[in-house]
Amino acid sequence: MELEEINWNEEDINLAKLLRTVDLVDSATEARRLITQGAISINEERINDINSSLDFSKEYIIKVGKRKFKKIKINKK
């Protein structure tokens, strides 16, 4: 299975906003709910903290539920 790769160039790396912008969820509220329920994984590590942040200049594979995956590369602006 080929993952869709997305380059993220914004200064703010708010996880809920990122999930919404790359169409992994329908709203930031849904993203926050899924994060608190443990349905979001980044590089196979379950995320439970709404305030989680991501580092610049790295690649991440984000998984939402069982079937939604995207590869995100974060670049410093």
C-alpha atoms as a PDB file:
ATOM      1  CA  MET A   1       0.000   0.000   0.000  1.00  0.00           C
ATOM      2  CA  GLU A   2       1.409   3.377  -1.035  1.00  0.00           C
ATOM      3  CA  LEU A   3       1.015   6.185   1.492  1.00  0.00           C
ATOM      4  CA  GLU A   4       0.031   9.658   0.400  1.00  0.00           C
ATOM      5  CA  GLU A   5       2.906  11.979   1.301  1.00  0.00           C
ATOM      6  CA  ILE A   6       2.205  15.529   2.431  1.00  0.00           C
ATOM      7  CA  ASN A   7       4.691  18.330   3.116  1.00  0.00           C
ATOM      8  CA  TRP A   8       3.713  20.580   6.041  1.00  0.00           C
ATOM      9  CA  ASN A   9       5.360  24.012   6.019  1.00  0.00           C
ATOM     10  CA  GLU A  10       3.449  25.958   8.660  1.00  0.00           C
ATOM     11  CA  GLU A  11       4.980  27.306  11.849  1.00  0.00           C
ATOM     12  CA  ASP A  12       2.210  25.981  14.100  1.00  0.00           C
ATOM     13  CA  ILE A  13       2.240  22.209  14.521  1.00  0.00           C
ATOM     14  CA  ASN A  14      -1.070  21.790  16.336  1.00  0.00           C
ATOM     15  CA  LEU A  15      -1.938  18.107  15.954  1.00  0.00           C
ATOM     16  CA  ALA A  16      -5.718  18.632  15.734  1.00  0.00           C
ATOM     17  CA  LYS A  17      -5.264  21.309  13.040  1.00  0.00           C
ATOM     18  CA  LEU A  18      -2.799  19.118  11.141  1.00  0.00           C
ATOM     19  CA  LEU A  19      -5.205  16.152  11.136  1.00  0.00           C
ATOM     20  CA  ARG A  20      -8.019  18.381   9.844  1.00  0.00           C
ATOM     21  CA  THR A  21      -5.918  20.090   7.184  1.00  0.00           C
ATOM     22  CA  VAL A  22      -4.667  16.826   5.663  1.00  0.00           C
ATOM     23  CA  ASP A  23      -8.224  15.388   5.639  1.00  0.00           C
ATOM     24  CA  LEU A  24      -7.677  12.602   8.150  1.00  0.00           C
ATOM     25  CA  VAL A  25     -10.653  13.910  10.177  1.00  0.00           C
ATOM     26  CA  ASP A  26     -13.663  16.090   9.402  1.00  0.00           C
ATOM     27  CA  SER A  27     -13.148  18.652  12.186  1.00  0.00           C
ATOM     28  CA  ALA A  28     -10.712  19.723  14.883  1.00  0.00           C
ATOM     29  CA  THR A  29     -13.304  18.646  17.462  1.00  0.00           C
ATOM     30  CA  GLU A  30     -13.319  15.138  15.997  1.00  0.00           C
ATOM     31  CA  ALA A  31      -9.506  15.152  16.057  1.00  0.00           C
ATOM     32  CA  ARG A  32      -9.455  16.085  19.760  1.00  0.00           C
ATOM     33  CA  ARG A  33     -12.029  13.383  20.554  1.00  0.00           C
ATOM     34  CA  LEU A  34     -10.073  10.718  18.658  1.00  0.00           C
ATOM     35  CA  ILE A  35      -6.823  11.759  20.353  1.00  0.00           C
ATOM     36  CA  THR A  36      -8.351  11.455  23.833  1.00  0.00           C
ATOM     37  CA  GLN A  37      -9.832   8.061  22.891  1.00  0.00           C
ATOM     38  CA  GLY A  38      -6.421   6.794  21.732  1.00  0.00           C
ATOM     39  CA  ALA A  39      -7.429   6.340  18.081  1.00  0.00           C
ATOM     40  CA  ILE A  40      -4.464   8.353  16.728  1.00  0.00           C
ATOM     41  CA  SER A  41      -1.009   6.832  16.278  1.00  0.00           C
ATOM     42  CA  ILE A  42       2.133   8.558  15.102  1.00  0.00           C
ATOM     43  CA  ASN A  43       4.936   6.252  13.964  1.00  0.00           C
ATOM     44  CA  GLU A  44       3.085   3.370  15.649  1.00  0.00           C
ATOM     45  CA  GLU A  45       2.980   5.180  19.020  1.00  0.00           C
ATOM     46  CA  ARG A  46      -0.509   5.863  20.391  1.00  0.00           C
ATOM     47  CA  ILE A  47      -1.156   9.536  21.164  1.00  0.00           C
ATOM     48  CA  ASN A  48      -3.435  10.436  24.098  1.00  0.00           C
ATOM     49  CA  ASP A  49      -2.416  14.057  24.744  1.00  0.00           C
ATOM     50  CA  ILE A  50      -4.278  16.781  22.841  1.00  0.00           C
ATOM     51  CA  ASN A  51      -1.277  19.090  23.310  1.00  0.00           C
ATOM     52  CA  SER A  52       1.178  16.711  21.606  1.00  0.00           C
ATOM     53  CA  SER A  53       3.616  18.440  19.301  1.00  0.00           C
ATOM     54  CA  LEU A  54       5.721  17.302  16.391  1.00  0.00           C
ATOM     55  CA  ASP A  55       9.333  18.184  15.623  1.00  0.00           C
ATOM     56  CA  PHE A  56      10.526  20.041  12.547  1.00  0.00           C
ATOM     57  CA  SER A  57      12.493  18.310   9.784  1.00  0.00           C
ATOM     58  CA  LYS A  58      11.103  14.854  10.448  1.00  0.00           C
ATOM     59  CA  GLU A  59       8.752  12.459   8.702  1.00  0.00           C
ATOM     60  CA  TYR A  60       5.783  10.893  10.451  1.00  0.00           C
ATOM     61  CA  ILE A  61       3.297   8.211   9.530  1.00  0.00           C
ATOM     62  CA  ILE A  62      -0.007   9.205  11.080  1.00  0.00           C
ATOM     63  CA  LYS A  63      -2.719   6.607  11.519  1.00  0.00           C
ATOM     64  CA  VAL A  64      -6.326   7.419  12.380  1.00  0.00           C
ATOM     65  CA  GLY A  65      -8.369   4.396  13.375  1.00  0.00           C
ATOM     66  CA  LYS A  66      -7.628   1.208  11.465  1.00  0.00           C
ATOM     67  CA  ARG A  67      -7.682   2.370   7.867  1.00  0.00           C
ATOM     68  CA  LYS A  68      -6.582   5.986   7.440  1.00  0.00           C
ATOM     69  CA  PHE A  69      -2.852   6.584   6.963  1.00  0.00           C
ATOM     70  CA  LYS A  70      -0.797   9.527   5.712  1.00  0.00           C
ATOM     71  CA  LYS A  71       2.898  10.276   5.632  1.00  0.00           C
ATOM     72  CA  ILE A  72       3.653  13.826   6.768  1.00  0.00           C
ATOM     73  CA  LYS A  73       6.997  15.578   6.319  1.00  0.00           C
ATOM     74  CA  ILE A  74       7.380  18.689   8.465  1.00  0.00           C
ATOM     75  CA  ASN A  75       9.643  21.391   7.074  1.00  0.00           C
ATOM     76  CA  LYS A  76      10.743  24.501   8.900  1.00  0.00           C
ATOM     77  CA  LYS A  77       9.310  27.622   7.300  1.00  0.00           C
END
